[in-house]
Amino acid sequence: MENKLPAQLTAENSADLWRAVLASEANQKKYKIDASDLKFCDESGLALLYEIRKRPLAFDLINLPESIEKLYASMTRDFSPTNEDENADLNL
Protein backbone atom coordinates (compact mmCIF):
# COMPACT_ATOMS: atom_id res chain seq x y z
CA MET A 1 0.00 0.00 0.00
CA GLU A 2 1.39 3.43 -0.89
CA ASN A 3 0.64 6.75 0.75
CA LYS A 4 1.89 10.16 -0.31
CA LEU A 5 2.83 12.77 2.27
CA PRO A 6 1.46 16.30 1.79
CA ALA A 7 3.64 19.33 1.02
CA GLN A 8 3.48 20.35 4.70
CA LEU A 9 3.56 17.86 7.55
CA THR A 10 2.38 19.60 10.70
CA ALA A 11 0.50 18.88 13.90
CA GLU A 12 -2.56 20.27 12.18
CA ASN A 13 -2.63 17.74 9.33
CA SER A 14 -0.75 14.67 10.54
CA ALA A 15 -3.28 13.08 12.92
CA ASP A 16 -4.43 10.38 10.48
CA LEU A 17 -0.85 9.42 9.68
CA TRP A 18 0.00 9.27 13.39
CA ARG A 19 -2.90 6.84 13.94
CA ALA A 20 -1.70 4.66 11.05
CA VAL A 21 1.87 4.60 12.34
CA LEU A 22 0.86 3.76 15.89
CA ALA A 23 -1.46 1.00 14.67
CA SER A 24 1.08 -0.45 12.23
CA GLU A 25 2.38 -3.13 14.55
CA ALA A 26 -1.03 -4.81 14.68
CA ASN A 27 -1.33 -4.66 10.88
CA GLN A 28 0.78 -7.14 8.93
CA LYS A 29 1.01 -4.96 5.80
CA LYS A 30 4.04 -2.92 4.74
CA TYR A 31 3.29 0.64 3.69
CA LYS A 32 5.33 2.63 1.21
CA ILE A 33 5.29 6.33 2.08
CA ASP A 34 6.28 8.71 -0.71
CA ALA A 35 7.67 11.99 0.64
CA SER A 36 8.50 13.56 -2.74
CA ASP A 37 6.00 16.45 -2.26
CA LEU A 38 7.14 17.24 1.29
CA LYS A 39 8.52 20.78 1.62
CA PHE A 40 7.96 21.66 5.30
CA CYS A 41 7.85 19.79 8.62
CA ASP A 42 7.19 21.17 12.05
CA GLU A 43 8.25 19.29 15.19
CA SER A 44 5.23 17.01 14.99
CA GLY A 45 6.05 16.13 11.40
CA LEU A 46 9.68 15.38 12.26
CA ALA A 47 8.57 13.21 15.17
CA LEU A 48 6.25 11.35 12.80
CA LEU A 49 9.13 10.73 10.38
CA TYR A 50 11.15 9.43 13.34
CA GLU A 51 8.37 6.99 14.27
CA ILE A 52 8.06 5.84 10.64
CA ARG A 53 11.79 5.15 10.46
CA LYS A 54 11.66 3.22 13.75
CA ARG A 55 9.35 0.73 12.02
CA PRO A 56 11.23 -0.48 8.92
CA LEU A 57 9.22 -3.70 8.78
CA ALA A 58 5.97 -1.72 8.52
CA PHE A 59 7.06 1.34 6.50
CA ASP A 60 9.30 2.17 3.59
CA LEU A 61 9.88 5.94 3.46
CA ILE A 62 10.91 6.95 -0.05
CA ASN A 63 11.83 10.16 -1.89
CA LEU A 64 12.48 12.25 1.21
CA PRO A 65 13.74 15.65 -0.05
CA GLU A 66 17.32 16.48 0.86
CA SER A 67 16.29 19.60 2.81
CA ILE A 68 13.95 17.55 5.04
CA GLU A 69 16.58 14.81 5.35
CA LYS A 70 19.09 17.38 6.65
CA LEU A 71 16.56 18.78 9.13
CA TYR A 72 15.70 15.26 10.28
CA ALA A 73 19.39 14.34 10.65
CA SER A 74 19.99 17.47 12.71
CA MET A 75 17.08 16.65 15.00
CA THR A 76 18.11 13.05 15.54
CA ARG A 77 21.79 13.91 16.00
CA ASP A 78 21.14 16.66 18.55
CA PHE A 79 18.20 15.20 20.44
CA SER A 80 18.38 11.43 20.11
CA PRO A 81 17.17 9.72 23.30
CA THR A 82 19.98 7.18 22.83
CA ASN A 83 22.61 9.89 23.11
CA GLU A 84 22.52 10.18 26.89
CA ASP A 85 25.90 11.88 27.29
CA GLU A 86 24.89 14.89 25.17
CA ASN A 87 21.44 15.01 26.79
CA ALA A 88 23.08 15.13 30.24
CA ASP A 89 24.77 18.36 29.20
CA LEU A 90 21.32 19.77 28.45
CA ASN A 91 19.99 18.74 31.88
CA LEU A 92 17.49 16.32 30.32
C-alpha atoms as a PDB file:
ATOM      1  CA  MET A   1       0.000   0.000   0.000  1.00  0.00           C
ATOM      2  CA  GLU A   2       1.391   3.433  -0.887  1.00  0.00           C
ATOM      3  CA  ASN A   3       0.636   6.755   0.752  1.00  0.00           C
ATOM      4  CA  LYS A   4       1.894  10.161  -0.311  1.00  0.00           C
ATOM      5  CA  LEU A   5       2.832  12.773   2.270  1.00  0.00           C
ATOM      6  CA  PRO A   6       1.462  16.296   1.789  1.00  0.00           C
ATOM      7  CA  ALA A   7       3.645  19.326   1.024  1.00  0.00           C
ATOM      8  CA  GLN A   8       3.476  20.345   4.698  1.00  0.00           C
ATOM      9  CA  LEU A   9       3.557  17.855   7.548  1.00  0.00           C
ATOM     10  CA  THR A  10       2.384  19.599  10.700  1.00  0.00           C
ATOM     11  CA  ALA A  11       0.495  18.884  13.900  1.00  0.00           C
ATOM     12  CA  GLU A  12      -2.563  20.266  12.180  1.00  0.00           C
ATOM     13  CA  ASN A  13      -2.631  17.744   9.334  1.00  0.00           C
ATOM     14  CA  SER A  14      -0.753  14.666  10.543  1.00  0.00           C
ATOM     15  CA  ALA A  15      -3.278  13.080  12.922  1.00  0.00           C
ATOM     16  CA  ASP A  16      -4.434  10.377  10.483  1.00  0.00           C
ATOM     17  CA  LEU A  17      -0.850   9.425   9.679  1.00  0.00           C
ATOM     18  CA  TRP A  18       0.004   9.271  13.389  1.00  0.00           C
ATOM     19  CA  ARG A  19      -2.895   6.844  13.938  1.00  0.00           C
ATOM     20  CA  ALA A  20      -1.700   4.660  11.052  1.00  0.00           C
ATOM     21  CA  VAL A  21       1.875   4.596  12.339  1.00  0.00           C
ATOM     22  CA  LEU A  22       0.862   3.759  15.891  1.00  0.00           C
ATOM     23  CA  ALA A  23      -1.460   1.000  14.674  1.00  0.00           C
ATOM     24  CA  SER A  24       1.079  -0.445  12.229  1.00  0.00           C
ATOM     25  CA  GLU A  25       2.384  -3.129  14.555  1.00  0.00           C
ATOM     26  CA  ALA A  26      -1.032  -4.807  14.682  1.00  0.00           C
ATOM     27  CA  ASN A  27      -1.325  -4.656  10.883  1.00  0.00           C
ATOM     28  CA  GLN A  28       0.784  -7.139   8.931  1.00  0.00           C
ATOM     29  CA  LYS A  29       1.014  -4.956   5.799  1.00  0.00           C
ATOM     30  CA  LYS A  30       4.039  -2.924   4.742  1.00  0.00           C
ATOM     31  CA  TYR A  31       3.291   0.644   3.695  1.00  0.00           C
ATOM     32  CA  LYS A  32       5.330   2.634   1.205  1.00  0.00           C
ATOM     33  CA  ILE A  33       5.293   6.335   2.078  1.00  0.00           C
ATOM     34  CA  ASP A  34       6.277   8.714  -0.705  1.00  0.00           C
ATOM     35  CA  ALA A  35       7.672  11.987   0.635  1.00  0.00           C
ATOM     36  CA  SER A  36       8.495  13.564  -2.744  1.00  0.00           C
ATOM     37  CA  ASP A  37       6.003  16.451  -2.264  1.00  0.00           C
ATOM     38  CA  LEU A  38       7.136  17.245   1.292  1.00  0.00           C
ATOM     39  CA  LYS A  39       8.520  20.782   1.615  1.00  0.00           C
ATOM     40  CA  PHE A  40       7.961  21.658   5.301  1.00  0.00           C
ATOM     41  CA  CYS A  41       7.852  19.786   8.617  1.00  0.00           C
ATOM     42  CA  ASP A  42       7.191  21.168  12.055  1.00  0.00           C
ATOM     43  CA  GLU A  43       8.254  19.294  15.194  1.00  0.00           C
ATOM     44  CA  SER A  44       5.234  17.009  14.988  1.00  0.00           C
ATOM     45  CA  GLY A  45       6.054  16.130  11.399  1.00  0.00           C
ATOM     46  CA  LEU A  46       9.678  15.381  12.260  1.00  0.00           C
ATOM     47  CA  ALA A  47       8.567  13.214  15.174  1.00  0.00           C
ATOM     48  CA  LEU A  48       6.254  11.349  12.803  1.00  0.00           C
ATOM     49  CA  LEU A  49       9.134  10.727  10.382  1.00  0.00           C
ATOM     50  CA  TYR A  50      11.148   9.429  13.343  1.00  0.00           C
ATOM     51  CA  GLU A  51       8.365   6.987  14.266  1.00  0.00           C
ATOM     52  CA  ILE A  52       8.065   5.835  10.643  1.00  0.00           C
ATOM     53  CA  ARG A  53      11.789   5.147  10.456  1.00  0.00           C
ATOM     54  CA  LYS A  54      11.660   3.222  13.748  1.00  0.00           C
ATOM     55  CA  ARG A  55       9.350   0.731  12.022  1.00  0.00           C
ATOM     56  CA  PRO A  56      11.227  -0.480   8.917  1.00  0.00           C
ATOM     57  CA  LEU A  57       9.216  -3.702   8.782  1.00  0.00           C
ATOM     58  CA  ALA A  58       5.973  -1.720   8.520  1.00  0.00           C
ATOM     59  CA  PHE A  59       7.064   1.337   6.504  1.00  0.00           C
ATOM     60  CA  ASP A  60       9.299   2.171   3.587  1.00  0.00           C
ATOM     61  CA  LEU A  61       9.877   5.944   3.459  1.00  0.00           C
ATOM     62  CA  ILE A  62      10.905   6.948  -0.055  1.00  0.00           C
ATOM     63  CA  ASN A  63      11.828  10.161  -1.888  1.00  0.00           C
ATOM     64  CA  LEU A  64      12.478  12.252   1.214  1.00  0.00           C
ATOM     65  CA  PRO A  65      13.737  15.645  -0.052  1.00  0.00           C
ATOM     66  CA  GLU A  66      17.322  16.484   0.861  1.00  0.00           C
ATOM     67  CA  SER A  67      16.292  19.595   2.814  1.00  0.00           C
ATOM     68  CA  ILE A  68      13.951  17.549   5.039  1.00  0.00           C
ATOM     69  CA  GLU A  69      16.578  14.811   5.353  1.00  0.00           C
ATOM     70  CA  LYS A  70      19.087  17.377   6.648  1.00  0.00           C
ATOM     71  CA  LEU A  71      16.561  18.780   9.131  1.00  0.00           C
ATOM     72  CA  TYR A  72      15.703  15.261  10.284  1.00  0.00           C
ATOM     73  CA  ALA A  73      19.388  14.344  10.649  1.00  0.00           C
ATOM     74  CA  SER A  74      19.990  17.475  12.713  1.00  0.00           C
ATOM     75  CA  MET A  75      17.079  16.646  15.000  1.00  0.00           C
ATOM     76  CA  THR A  76      18.109  13.048  15.541  1.00  0.00           C
ATOM     77  CA  ARG A  77      21.790  13.906  16.003  1.00  0.00           C
ATOM     78  CA  ASP A  78      21.137  16.655  18.546  1.00  0.00           C
ATOM     79  CA  PHE A  79      18.197  15.197  20.442  1.00  0.00           C
ATOM     80  CA  SER A  80      18.378  11.432  20.111  1.00  0.00           C
ATOM     81  CA  PRO A  81      17.171   9.717  23.296  1.00  0.00           C
ATOM     82  CA  THR A  82      19.983   7.176  22.830  1.00  0.00           C
ATOM     83  CA  ASN A  83      22.615   9.887  23.110  1.00  0.00           C
ATOM     84  CA  GLU A  84      22.524  10.182  26.894  1.00  0.00           C
ATOM     85  CA  ASP A  85      25.897  11.881  27.293  1.00  0.00           C
ATOM     86  CA  GLU A  86      24.886  14.888  25.174  1.00  0.00           C
ATOM     87  CA  ASN A  87      21.438  15.013  26.788  1.00  0.00           C
ATOM     88  CA  ALA A  88      23.078  15.128  30.242  1.00  0.00           C
ATOM     89  CA  ASP A  89      24.772  18.359  29.200  1.00  0.00           C
ATOM     90  CA  LEU A  90      21.320  19.773  28.446  1.00  0.00           C
ATOM     91  CA  ASN A  91      19.991  18.745  31.876  1.00  0.00           C
ATOM     92  CA  LEU A  92      17.493  16.324  30.316  1.00  0.00           C
END
